[in-house]
Amino acid sequence: CFLPHMTFYFIKARAAPPAGDSVLFEDTSSAAPAMNSQGYYTSGYNMGEPSNDMQGGGGMNNLFADPMANAAMMYGSSLANQGKDMVNKEISRFMSVNKLKYFFAVDTRYVLKKLMILMFPYTHQDWEVRYHRDTPLTPRQDVNASDLYIPTMAFITYILLAGMALGIQKRFSPEVLGLCASTALVWVIIEVLVMLLSLYLLTVHTDLSTFDLIAYSGYKYVGMIFTVLCGLLFGSDGYFVALAWSSFALMFFIVRSLKMKILPSLSSDSMGMGSNAKPQLRLYITVASALFQPIIIYWLTSHLVR
């Protein structure tokens, strides 16, 4: 009897672990997975809603907190600034941005006065351009200064008015309007190039810049608008009366303005002429430029009035 009792206690001691010691591995082989109310087994993984990191809430924060992303953004910003500087440098090679701003420094008072001078130049007395420390005053400070605001707005208004005139006559089409705009622009370019070439060949020293020549060439659009409007309202008779008025007014304005701009100093050996021919050359340039204006006005407006 003693041997069987000893065997029973030995097997019992081997089967049960000590009460105070922790179990290293839990035996889960006998435990069945839990079932939900519908009789399906539930998995140990959560297949429900995605976490905040997967939804993008924490992703953006991680992106901005990433030093590599910050370095890439800084590098891209530096490249953009370098590109901007290169573009501004290339533009400055052909034109001065600050000088271009000078020709648009206008106000309402200057625009109204300038329009009155362009249409009624005979009443204007003082044509001298004023300077401050060898720098011409801005257009808003001197009504005799040239500007690019009025020529630009007048050019756009002329194109719109041409489209309206063509529409009234049932002749409007995008191609015709585009041809009208391109023709007007090409005439300005030709006029400015001819003027620059004449000043260069005759070695006339003047303080006129290319922007000044563009401005004086663009003032004709004010008279063209007046001519087309009179032609649409009063027919061909009104057109020719307005054409004559605007042509003489523009010629008077060009002669008086360029007379103050073009200096009479030529090189002493220019084409073998003496100093007595210098004032005559200045007069020829100003008169030729003035006489050219009515021809362009008629060429660009006659087809709009019938």
C-alpha atoms as a PDB file:
ATOM      1  CA  CYS A   1       0.000   0.000   0.000  1.00  0.00           C
ATOM      2  CA  PHE A   2       2.785   2.396   0.646  1.00  0.00           C
ATOM      3  CA  LEU A   3       4.144   2.368  -2.912  1.00  0.00           C
ATOM      4  CA  PRO A   4       0.868   3.321  -4.628  1.00  0.00           C
ATOM      5  CA  HIS A   5       0.342   6.241  -2.192  1.00  0.00           C
ATOM      6  CA  MET A   6       3.827   7.586  -2.900  1.00  0.00           C
ATOM      7  CA  THR A   7       3.225   7.384  -6.681  1.00  0.00           C
ATOM      8  CA  PHE A   8      -0.078   9.329  -6.362  1.00  0.00           C
ATOM      9  CA  TYR A   9       1.496  12.186  -4.376  1.00  0.00           C
ATOM     10  CA  PHE A  10       4.418  12.378  -6.854  1.00  0.00           C
ATOM     11  CA  ILE A  11       2.133  12.702  -9.879  1.00  0.00           C
ATOM     12  CA  LYS A  12       0.007  15.349  -8.107  1.00  0.00           C
ATOM     13  CA  ALA A  13       3.072  17.390  -7.274  1.00  0.00           C
ATOM     14  CA  ARG A  14       4.234  17.282 -10.874  1.00  0.00           C
ATOM     15  CA  ALA A  15       0.831  18.330 -12.265  1.00  0.00           C
ATOM     16  CA  ALA A  16       0.115  21.434 -10.125  1.00  0.00           C
ATOM     17  CA  PRO A  17       2.513  24.424 -10.213  1.00  0.00           C
ATOM     18  CA  PRO A  18       3.455  26.242  -7.062  1.00  0.00           C
ATOM     19  CA  ALA A  19       0.927  28.742  -5.853  1.00  0.00           C
ATOM     20  CA  GLY A  20       3.371  31.637  -5.435  1.00  0.00           C
ATOM     21  CA  ASP A  21       5.217  31.293  -8.767  1.00  0.00           C
ATOM     22  CA  SER A  22       4.056  32.982 -12.049  1.00  0.00           C
ATOM     23  CA  VAL A  23       3.388  30.900 -15.104  1.00  0.00           C
ATOM     24  CA  LEU A  24       5.810  31.587 -17.952  1.00  0.00           C
ATOM     25  CA  PHE A  25       3.426  30.606 -20.786  1.00  0.00           C
ATOM     26  CA  GLU A  26      -0.331  30.589 -20.477  1.00  0.00           C
ATOM     27  CA  ASP A  27      -2.047  27.520 -21.833  1.00  0.00           C
ATOM     28  CA  THR A  28      -4.732  28.741 -24.207  1.00  0.00           C
ATOM     29  CA  SER A  29      -5.222  25.549 -26.136  1.00  0.00           C
ATOM     30  CA  SER A  30      -8.273  24.612 -24.138  1.00  0.00           C
ATOM     31  CA  ALA A  31      -9.895  28.064 -24.345  1.00  0.00           C
ATOM     32  CA  ALA A  32     -12.270  28.541 -27.280  1.00  0.00           C
ATOM     33  CA  PRO A  33     -12.552  31.880 -29.025  1.00  0.00           C
ATOM     34  CA  ALA A  34     -15.364  34.099 -27.888  1.00  0.00           C
ATOM     35  CA  MET A  35     -18.523  34.328 -29.928  1.00  0.00           C
ATOM     36  CA  ASN A  36     -20.638  37.382 -30.467  1.00  0.00           C
ATOM     37  CA  SER A  37     -24.367  37.623 -30.203  1.00  0.00           C
ATOM     38  CA  GLN A  38     -24.851  36.527 -33.823  1.00  0.00           C
ATOM     39  CA  GLY A  39     -22.859  33.306 -33.413  1.00  0.00           C
ATOM     40  CA  TYR A  40     -19.698  34.411 -35.255  1.00  0.00           C
ATOM     41  CA  TYR A  41     -16.260  34.209 -33.865  1.00  0.00           C
ATOM     42  CA  THR A  42     -14.517  37.507 -33.113  1.00  0.00           C
ATOM     43  CA  SER A  43     -10.955  37.937 -34.221  1.00  0.00           C
ATOM     44  CA  GLY A  44      -8.195  39.134 -31.988  1.00  0.00           C
ATOM     45  CA  TYR A  45      -7.363  41.976 -34.429  1.00  0.00           C
ATOM     46  CA  ASN A  46      -9.278  45.231 -34.588  1.00  0.00           C
ATOM     47  CA  MET A  47     -10.699  45.594 -38.104  1.00  0.00           C
ATOM     48  CA  GLY A  48     -12.892  48.568 -37.233  1.00  0.00           C
ATOM     49  CA  GLU A  49     -12.252  52.337 -37.716  1.00  0.00           C
ATOM     50  CA  PRO A  50      -8.766  53.388 -38.728  1.00  0.00           C
ATOM     51  CA  SER A  51      -6.605  55.176 -36.241  1.00  0.00           C
ATOM     52  CA  ASN A  52      -5.936  58.888 -36.241  1.00  0.00           C
ATOM     53  CA  ASP A  53      -2.542  58.406 -37.884  1.00  0.00           C
ATOM     54  CA  MET A  54      -4.146  56.548 -40.783  1.00  0.00           C
ATOM     55  CA  GLN A  55      -6.828  59.263 -41.181  1.00  0.00           C
ATOM     56  CA  GLY A  56      -4.181  61.953 -41.837  1.00  0.00           C
ATOM     57  CA  GLY A  57      -4.648  63.950 -38.664  1.00  0.00           C
ATOM     58  CA  GLY A  58      -1.250  63.053 -37.340  1.00  0.00           C
ATOM     59  CA  GLY A  59       0.276  62.659 -40.811  1.00  0.00           C
ATOM     60  CA  MET A  60       0.384  66.390 -41.505  1.00  0.00           C
ATOM     61  CA  ASN A  61       1.893  67.070 -38.113  1.00  0.00           C
ATOM     62  CA  ASN A  62       4.504  64.428 -38.758  1.00  0.00           C
ATOM     63  CA  LEU A  63       5.194  65.991 -42.172  1.00  0.00           C
ATOM     64  CA  PHE A  64       5.903  69.436 -40.739  1.00  0.00           C
ATOM     65  CA  ALA A  65       7.839  67.908 -37.879  1.00  0.00           C
ATOM     66  CA  ASP A  66      10.013  65.949 -40.296  1.00  0.00           C
ATOM     67  CA  PRO A  67      13.384  67.725 -40.674  1.00  0.00           C
ATOM     68  CA  MET A  68      13.797  66.371 -44.207  1.00  0.00           C
ATOM     69  CA  ALA A  69      10.460  67.870 -45.262  1.00  0.00           C
ATOM     70  CA  ASN A  70      11.393  71.236 -43.751  1.00  0.00           C
ATOM     71  CA  ALA A  71      14.728  71.165 -45.533  1.00  0.00           C
ATOM     72  CA  ALA A  72      13.019  70.368 -48.831  1.00  0.00           C
ATOM     73  CA  MET A  73      10.562  73.243 -48.374  1.00  0.00           C
ATOM     74  CA  MET A  74      13.362  75.680 -47.574  1.00  0.00           C
ATOM     75  CA  TYR A  75      15.327  74.503 -50.599  1.00  0.00           C
ATOM     76  CA  GLY A  76      12.297  74.936 -52.853  1.00  0.00           C
ATOM     77  CA  SER A  77      11.679  78.439 -51.486  1.00  0.00           C
ATOM     78  CA  SER A  78      15.296  79.398 -52.130  1.00  0.00           C
ATOM     79  CA  LEU A  79      15.053  78.105 -55.699  1.00  0.00           C
ATOM     80  CA  ALA A  80      11.875  80.153 -56.257  1.00  0.00           C
ATOM     81  CA  ASN A  81      13.578  83.309 -54.962  1.00  0.00           C
ATOM     82  CA  GLN A  82      16.598  82.714 -57.179  1.00  0.00           C
ATOM     83  CA  GLY A  83      14.336  82.248 -60.195  1.00  0.00           C
ATOM     84  CA  LYS A  84      12.488  85.465 -59.394  1.00  0.00           C
ATOM     85  CA  ASP A  85      15.760  87.367 -59.113  1.00  0.00           C
ATOM     86  CA  MET A  86      16.957  85.979 -62.439  1.00  0.00           C
ATOM     87  CA  VAL A  87      13.709  87.006 -64.165  1.00  0.00           C
ATOM     88  CA  ASN A  88      13.902  90.523 -62.718  1.00  0.00           C
ATOM     89  CA  LYS A  89      17.547  90.759 -63.794  1.00  0.00           C
ATOM     90  CA  GLU A  90      16.729  89.727 -67.352  1.00  0.00           C
ATOM     91  CA  ILE A  91      13.855  92.230 -67.504  1.00  0.00           C
ATOM     92  CA  SER A  92      16.127  94.968 -66.169  1.00  0.00           C
ATOM     93  CA  ARG A  93      18.526  94.322 -69.041  1.00  0.00           C
ATOM     94  CA  PHE A  94      15.932  95.520 -71.534  1.00  0.00           C
ATOM     95  CA  MET A  95      13.922  98.000 -69.477  1.00  0.00           C
ATOM     96  CA  SER A  96      14.085  99.699 -66.121  1.00  0.00           C
ATOM     97  CA  VAL A  97      11.130  98.824 -63.923  1.00  0.00           C
ATOM     98  CA  ASN A  98      11.590 101.970 -61.853  1.00  0.00           C
ATOM     99  CA  LYS A  99      11.693 104.090 -64.984  1.00  0.00           C
ATOM    100  CA  LEU A 100       8.557 102.381 -66.254  1.00  0.00           C
ATOM    101  CA  LYS A 101       6.785 103.186 -62.986  1.00  0.00           C
ATOM    102  CA  TYR A 102       7.607 106.858 -63.554  1.00  0.00           C
ATOM    103  CA  PHE A 103       5.427 106.947 -66.689  1.00  0.00           C
ATOM    104  CA  PHE A 104       2.449 105.524 -64.786  1.00  0.00           C
ATOM    105  CA  ALA A 105       2.698 107.903 -61.814  1.00  0.00           C
ATOM    106  CA  VAL A 106      -0.505 109.770 -62.666  1.00  0.00           C
ATOM    107  CA  ASP A 107      -3.651 110.866 -60.896  1.00  0.00           C
ATOM    108  CA  THR A 108      -7.129 111.974 -61.946  1.00  0.00           C
ATOM    109  CA  ARG A 109      -6.184 115.645 -62.023  1.00  0.00           C
ATOM    110  CA  TYR A 110      -3.271 115.027 -64.385  1.00  0.00           C
ATOM    111  CA  VAL A 111      -5.354 112.823 -66.702  1.00  0.00           C
ATOM    112  CA  LEU A 112      -8.093 115.433 -67.051  1.00  0.00           C
ATOM    113  CA  LYS A 113      -5.614 118.243 -67.695  1.00  0.00           C
ATOM    114  CA  LYS A 114      -3.664 116.180 -70.205  1.00  0.00           C
ATOM    115  CA  LEU A 115      -6.796 115.254 -72.127  1.00  0.00           C
ATOM    116  CA  MET A 116      -7.768 118.918 -72.302  1.00  0.00           C
ATOM    117  CA  ILE A 117      -4.300 119.795 -73.625  1.00  0.00           C
ATOM    118  CA  LEU A 118      -4.494 117.048 -76.244  1.00  0.00           C
ATOM    119  CA  MET A 119      -7.856 118.247 -77.520  1.00  0.00           C
ATOM    120  CA  PHE A 120      -7.342 122.017 -76.975  1.00  0.00           C
ATOM    121  CA  PRO A 121      -3.568 122.594 -77.073  1.00  0.00           C
ATOM    122  CA  TYR A 122      -3.899 126.158 -78.362  1.00  0.00           C
ATOM    123  CA  THR A 123      -4.868 127.479 -74.936  1.00  0.00           C
ATOM    124  CA  HIS A 124      -1.866 125.956 -73.171  1.00  0.00           C
ATOM    125  CA  GLN A 125       0.972 128.421 -72.621  1.00  0.00           C
ATOM    126  CA  ASP A 126       3.767 126.826 -70.586  1.00  0.00           C
ATOM    127  CA  TRP A 127       5.253 123.771 -72.373  1.00  0.00           C
ATOM    128  CA  GLU A 128       8.500 123.519 -70.463  1.00  0.00           C
ATOM    129  CA  VAL A 129       9.195 120.282 -68.573  1.00  0.00           C
ATOM    130  CA  ARG A 130      10.161 120.862 -64.956  1.00  0.00           C
ATOM    131  CA  TYR A 131      13.100 119.172 -63.256  1.00  0.00           C
ATOM    132  CA  HIS A 132      14.158 118.550 -59.689  1.00  0.00           C
ATOM    133  CA  ARG A 133      17.902 117.940 -59.240  1.00  0.00           C
ATOM    134  CA  ASP A 134      18.357 116.963 -62.902  1.00  0.00           C
ATOM    135  CA  THR A 135      15.433 114.536 -62.656  1.00  0.00           C
ATOM    136  CA  PRO A 136      12.134 115.302 -64.425  1.00  0.00           C
ATOM    137  CA  LEU A 137       9.110 115.565 -62.211  1.00  0.00           C
ATOM    138  CA  THR A 138       6.539 112.805 -62.341  1.00  0.00           C
ATOM    139  CA  PRO A 139       3.424 113.293 -64.485  1.00  0.00           C
ATOM    140  CA  ARG A 140       1.229 113.926 -61.461  1.00  0.00           C
ATOM    141  CA  GLN A 141       3.525 116.827 -60.558  1.00  0.00           C
ATOM    142  CA  ASP A 142       4.038 118.233 -64.067  1.00  0.00           C
ATOM    143  CA  VAL A 143       1.328 118.205 -66.716  1.00  0.00           C
ATOM    144  CA  ASN A 144       3.957 118.618 -69.461  1.00  0.00           C
ATOM    145  CA  ALA A 145       5.620 115.311 -68.584  1.00  0.00           C
ATOM    146  CA  SER A 146       4.867 112.383 -70.851  1.00  0.00           C
ATOM    147  CA  ASP A 147       3.083 109.315 -69.525  1.00  0.00           C
ATOM    148  CA  LEU A 148       2.093 105.858 -70.695  1.00  0.00           C
ATOM    149  CA  TYR A 149      -1.188 105.604 -68.806  1.00  0.00           C
ATOM    150  CA  ILE A 150      -3.243 107.684 -71.245  1.00  0.00           C
ATOM    151  CA  PRO A 151      -1.802 105.974 -74.379  1.00  0.00           C
ATOM    152  CA  THR A 152      -2.417 102.526 -72.893  1.00  0.00           C
ATOM    153  CA  MET A 153      -6.006 103.248 -71.856  1.00  0.00           C
ATOM    154  CA  ALA A 154      -6.680 105.039 -75.137  1.00  0.00           C
ATOM    155  CA  PHE A 155      -5.373 102.076 -77.118  1.00  0.00           C
ATOM    156  CA  ILE A 156      -7.639  99.644 -75.236  1.00  0.00           C
ATOM    157  CA  THR A 157     -10.612 102.007 -75.647  1.00  0.00           C
ATOM    158  CA  TYR A 158      -9.916 102.312 -79.362  1.00  0.00           C
ATOM    159  CA  ILE A 159      -9.983  98.520 -79.770  1.00  0.00           C
ATOM    160  CA  LEU A 160     -13.278  98.268 -77.859  1.00  0.00           C
ATOM    161  CA  LEU A 161     -14.763 101.135 -79.877  1.00  0.00           C
ATOM    162  CA  ALA A 162     -13.622  99.498 -83.112  1.00  0.00           C
ATOM    163  CA  GLY A 163     -15.372  96.296 -82.085  1.00  0.00           C
ATOM    164  CA  MET A 164     -18.556  98.215 -81.355  1.00  0.00           C
ATOM    165  CA  ALA A 165     -18.378 100.046 -84.704  1.00  0.00           C
ATOM    166  CA  LEU A 166     -17.853  96.793 -86.574  1.00  0.00           C
ATOM    167  CA  GLY A 167     -20.745  95.231 -84.688  1.00  0.00           C
ATOM    168  CA  ILE A 168     -23.079  98.085 -85.610  1.00  0.00           C
ATOM    169  CA  GLN A 169     -22.157  97.603 -89.260  1.00  0.00           C
ATOM    170  CA  LYS A 170     -22.651  93.798 -89.029  1.00  0.00           C
ATOM    171  CA  ARG A 171     -18.993  93.270 -89.897  1.00  0.00           C
ATOM    172  CA  PHE A 172     -17.686  92.098 -86.532  1.00  0.00           C
ATOM    173  CA  SER A 173     -15.565  88.986 -86.234  1.00  0.00           C
ATOM    174  CA  PRO A 174     -12.696  88.079 -83.899  1.00  0.00           C
ATOM    175  CA  GLU A 175     -10.306  87.934 -86.849  1.00  0.00           C
ATOM    176  CA  VAL A 176     -11.174  91.451 -88.009  1.00  0.00           C
ATOM    177  CA  LEU A 177     -10.875  92.857 -84.488  1.00  0.00           C
ATOM    178  CA  GLY A 178      -7.538  91.115 -84.000  1.00  0.00           C
ATOM    179  CA  LEU A 179      -6.289  92.516 -87.297  1.00  0.00           C
ATOM    180  CA  CYS A 180      -7.376  96.004 -86.225  1.00  0.00           C
ATOM    181  CA  ALA A 181      -5.529  95.730 -82.901  1.00  0.00           C
ATOM    182  CA  SER A 182      -2.357  94.291 -84.420  1.00  0.00           C
ATOM    183  CA  THR A 183      -2.294  96.936 -87.163  1.00  0.00           C
ATOM    184  CA  ALA A 184      -2.589  99.764 -84.639  1.00  0.00           C
ATOM    185  CA  LEU A 185       0.196  98.267 -82.526  1.00  0.00           C
ATOM    186  CA  VAL A 186       2.497  97.723 -85.509  1.00  0.00           C
ATOM    187  CA  TRP A 187       2.081 101.346 -86.625  1.00  0.00           C
ATOM    188  CA  VAL A 188       3.213 102.558 -83.201  1.00  0.00           C
ATOM    189  CA  ILE A 189       6.261 100.298 -83.317  1.00  0.00           C
ATOM    190  CA  ILE A 190       7.171 101.473 -86.818  1.00  0.00           C
ATOM    191  CA  GLU A 191       6.781 105.111 -85.843  1.00  0.00           C
ATOM    192  CA  VAL A 192       8.985 104.737 -82.772  1.00  0.00           C
ATOM    193  CA  LEU A 193      11.678 102.847 -84.715  1.00  0.00           C
ATOM    194  CA  VAL A 194      11.711 105.457 -87.463  1.00  0.00           C
ATOM    195  CA  MET A 195      12.035 108.223 -84.886  1.00  0.00           C
ATOM    196  CA  LEU A 196      14.896 106.471 -83.102  1.00  0.00           C
ATOM    197  CA  LEU A 197      16.667 105.797 -86.366  1.00  0.00           C
ATOM    198  CA  SER A 198      16.285 109.421 -87.465  1.00  0.00           C
ATOM    199  CA  LEU A 199      17.681 110.739 -84.196  1.00  0.00           C
ATOM    200  CA  TYR A 200      20.603 108.322 -84.441  1.00  0.00           C
ATOM    201  CA  LEU A 201      21.487 109.010 -88.062  1.00  0.00           C
ATOM    202  CA  LEU A 202      21.250 112.758 -87.617  1.00  0.00           C
ATOM    203  CA  THR A 203      23.173 112.502 -84.319  1.00  0.00           C
ATOM    204  CA  VAL A 204      20.620 114.608 -82.503  1.00  0.00           C
ATOM    205  CA  HIS A 205      21.391 114.700 -78.803  1.00  0.00           C
ATOM    206  CA  THR A 206      18.175 114.622 -76.842  1.00  0.00           C
ATOM    207  CA  ASP A 207      16.861 113.545 -73.469  1.00  0.00           C
ATOM    208  CA  LEU A 208      14.000 111.674 -75.138  1.00  0.00           C
ATOM    209  CA  SER A 209      13.851 108.037 -74.092  1.00  0.00           C
ATOM    210  CA  THR A 210      12.128 105.175 -75.880  1.00  0.00           C
ATOM    211  CA  PHE A 211       9.258 105.396 -73.412  1.00  0.00           C
ATOM    212  CA  ASP A 212       8.849 109.089 -74.246  1.00  0.00           C
ATOM    213  CA  LEU A 213       8.574 108.291 -77.947  1.00  0.00           C
ATOM    214  CA  ILE A 214       6.026 105.547 -77.243  1.00  0.00           C
ATOM    215  CA  ALA A 215       4.003 107.998 -75.161  1.00  0.00           C
ATOM    216  CA  TYR A 216       3.979 110.722 -77.822  1.00  0.00           C
ATOM    217  CA  SER A 217       3.135 108.156 -80.470  1.00  0.00           C
ATOM    218  CA  GLY A 218       0.301 106.763 -78.359  1.00  0.00           C
ATOM    219  CA  TYR A 219      -1.400 110.105 -77.719  1.00  0.00           C
ATOM    220  CA  LYS A 220      -2.935 109.873 -81.184  1.00  0.00           C
ATOM    221  CA  TYR A 221      -5.411 107.276 -79.896  1.00  0.00           C
ATOM    222  CA  VAL A 222      -7.226 110.005 -77.977  1.00  0.00           C
ATOM    223  CA  GLY A 223      -7.944 111.835 -81.236  1.00  0.00           C
ATOM    224  CA  MET A 224      -8.823 108.550 -82.944  1.00  0.00           C
ATOM    225  CA  ILE A 225     -11.462 107.784 -80.298  1.00  0.00           C
ATOM    226  CA  PHE A 226     -12.947 111.267 -80.733  1.00  0.00           C
ATOM    227  CA  THR A 227     -12.959 110.865 -84.527  1.00  0.00           C
ATOM    228  CA  VAL A 228     -14.648 107.454 -84.511  1.00  0.00           C
ATOM    229  CA  LEU A 229     -17.285 108.584 -82.006  1.00  0.00           C
ATOM    230  CA  CYS A 230     -18.157 111.621 -84.119  1.00  0.00           C
ATOM    231  CA  GLY A 231     -18.333 109.421 -87.207  1.00  0.00           C
ATOM    232  CA  LEU A 232     -20.711 106.982 -85.506  1.00  0.00           C
ATOM    233  CA  LEU A 233     -22.927 109.769 -84.167  1.00  0.00           C
ATOM    234  CA  PHE A 234     -22.931 112.264 -87.061  1.00  0.00           C
ATOM    235  CA  GLY A 235     -21.950 110.209 -90.095  1.00  0.00           C
ATOM    236  CA  SER A 236     -19.191 110.947 -92.560  1.00  0.00           C
ATOM    237  CA  ASP A 237     -19.484 114.736 -92.209  1.00  0.00           C
ATOM    238  CA  GLY A 238     -18.926 114.540 -88.474  1.00  0.00           C
ATOM    239  CA  TYR A 239     -16.072 112.110 -89.056  1.00  0.00           C
ATOM    240  CA  PHE A 240     -14.112 114.448 -91.340  1.00  0.00           C
ATOM    241  CA  VAL A 241     -14.698 117.475 -89.111  1.00  0.00           C
ATOM    242  CA  ALA A 242     -13.465 115.534 -86.081  1.00  0.00           C
ATOM    243  CA  LEU A 243     -10.547 114.182 -88.117  1.00  0.00           C
ATOM    244  CA  ALA A 244      -9.455 117.681 -89.074  1.00  0.00           C
ATOM    245  CA  TRP A 245      -9.779 118.970 -85.511  1.00  0.00           C
ATOM    246  CA  SER A 246      -7.932 116.098 -83.851  1.00  0.00           C
ATOM    247  CA  SER A 247      -5.209 116.106 -86.528  1.00  0.00           C
ATOM    248  CA  PHE A 248      -4.397 119.806 -86.179  1.00  0.00           C
ATOM    249  CA  ALA A 249      -4.586 119.605 -82.405  1.00  0.00           C
ATOM    250  CA  LEU A 250      -2.239 116.613 -82.289  1.00  0.00           C
ATOM    251  CA  MET A 251       0.227 118.208 -84.722  1.00  0.00           C
ATOM    252  CA  PHE A 252       0.339 121.374 -82.631  1.00  0.00           C
ATOM    253  CA  PHE A 253       0.828 119.318 -79.473  1.00  0.00           C
ATOM    254  CA  ILE A 254       3.642 117.208 -80.982  1.00  0.00           C
ATOM    255  CA  VAL A 255       5.521 120.212 -82.350  1.00  0.00           C
ATOM    256  CA  ARG A 256       5.356 122.174 -79.098  1.00  0.00           C
ATOM    257  CA  SER A 257       6.271 119.142 -76.962  1.00  0.00           C
ATOM    258  CA  LEU A 258       9.154 117.846 -79.077  1.00  0.00           C
ATOM    259  CA  LYS A 259      10.501 121.351 -79.497  1.00  0.00           C
ATOM    260  CA  MET A 260      11.242 121.333 -75.782  1.00  0.00           C
ATOM    261  CA  LYS A 261      12.643 117.797 -75.835  1.00  0.00           C
ATOM    262  CA  ILE A 262      14.863 117.621 -78.915  1.00  0.00           C
ATOM    263  CA  LEU A 263      18.042 119.610 -78.314  1.00  0.00           C
ATOM    264  CA  PRO A 264      19.638 121.395 -81.267  1.00  0.00           C
ATOM    265  CA  SER A 265      23.149 120.120 -80.587  1.00  0.00           C
ATOM    266  CA  LEU A 266      24.612 117.974 -83.357  1.00  0.00           C
ATOM    267  CA  SER A 267      28.158 116.885 -83.903  1.00  0.00           C
ATOM    268  CA  SER A 268      30.082 119.502 -85.833  1.00  0.00           C
ATOM    269  CA  ASP A 269      30.990 117.091 -88.601  1.00  0.00           C
ATOM    270  CA  SER A 270      27.579 115.488 -88.972  1.00  0.00           C
ATOM    271  CA  MET A 271      27.133 114.848 -92.714  1.00  0.00           C
ATOM    272  CA  GLY A 272      29.427 117.788 -93.450  1.00  0.00           C
ATOM    273  CA  MET A 273      26.973 120.349 -92.139  1.00  0.00           C
ATOM    274  CA  GLY A 274      27.828 123.341 -90.090  1.00  0.00           C
ATOM    275  CA  SER A 275      26.211 124.649 -86.979  1.00  0.00           C
ATOM    276  CA  ASN A 276      23.731 126.704 -89.035  1.00  0.00           C
ATOM    277  CA  ALA A 277      21.959 123.491 -90.104  1.00  0.00           C
ATOM    278  CA  LYS A 278      21.401 122.244 -86.558  1.00  0.00           C
ATOM    279  CA  PRO A 279      18.164 124.140 -85.833  1.00  0.00           C
ATOM    280  CA  GLN A 280      16.834 123.158 -89.244  1.00  0.00           C
ATOM    281  CA  LEU A 281      17.407 119.451 -88.563  1.00  0.00           C
ATOM    282  CA  ARG A 282      15.551 119.763 -85.269  1.00  0.00           C
ATOM    283  CA  LEU A 283      12.693 121.480 -87.060  1.00  0.00           C
ATOM    284  CA  TYR A 284      12.586 118.830 -89.779  1.00  0.00           C
ATOM    285  CA  ILE A 285      12.317 115.996 -87.266  1.00  0.00           C
ATOM    286  CA  THR A 286       9.546 117.618 -85.259  1.00  0.00           C
ATOM    287  CA  VAL A 287       7.523 118.652 -88.326  1.00  0.00           C
ATOM    288  CA  ALA A 288       7.890 115.246 -89.978  1.00  0.00           C
ATOM    289  CA  SER A 289       6.759 113.518 -86.805  1.00  0.00           C
ATOM    290  CA  ALA A 290       3.761 115.844 -86.538  1.00  0.00           C
ATOM    291  CA  LEU A 291       2.734 115.447 -90.191  1.00  0.00           C
ATOM    292  CA  PHE A 292       2.846 111.682 -89.879  1.00  0.00           C
ATOM    293  CA  GLN A 293       0.086 111.635 -87.227  1.00  0.00           C
ATOM    294  CA  PRO A 294      -2.962 112.569 -89.386  1.00  0.00           C
ATOM    295  CA  ILE A 295      -2.014 109.918 -91.941  1.00  0.00           C
ATOM    296  CA  ILE A 296      -2.045 107.170 -89.310  1.00  0.00           C
ATOM    297  CA  ILE A 297      -5.262 108.488 -87.751  1.00  0.00           C
ATOM    298  CA  TYR A 298      -7.056 108.367 -91.095  1.00  0.00           C
ATOM    299  CA  TRP A 299      -5.610 104.953 -91.966  1.00  0.00           C
ATOM    300  CA  LEU A 300      -6.751 103.383 -88.700  1.00  0.00           C
ATOM    301  CA  THR A 301     -10.210 104.989 -88.476  1.00  0.00           C
ATOM    302  CA  SER A 302     -11.574 105.367 -91.994  1.00  0.00           C
ATOM    303  CA  HIS A 303     -12.690 101.739 -92.293  1.00  0.00           C
ATOM    304  CA  LEU A 304     -14.687 101.983 -89.046  1.00  0.00           C
ATOM    305  CA  VAL A 305     -17.067 104.695 -90.255  1.00  0.00           C
ATOM    306  CA  ARG A 306     -19.308 104.197 -93.310  1.00  0.00           C
END
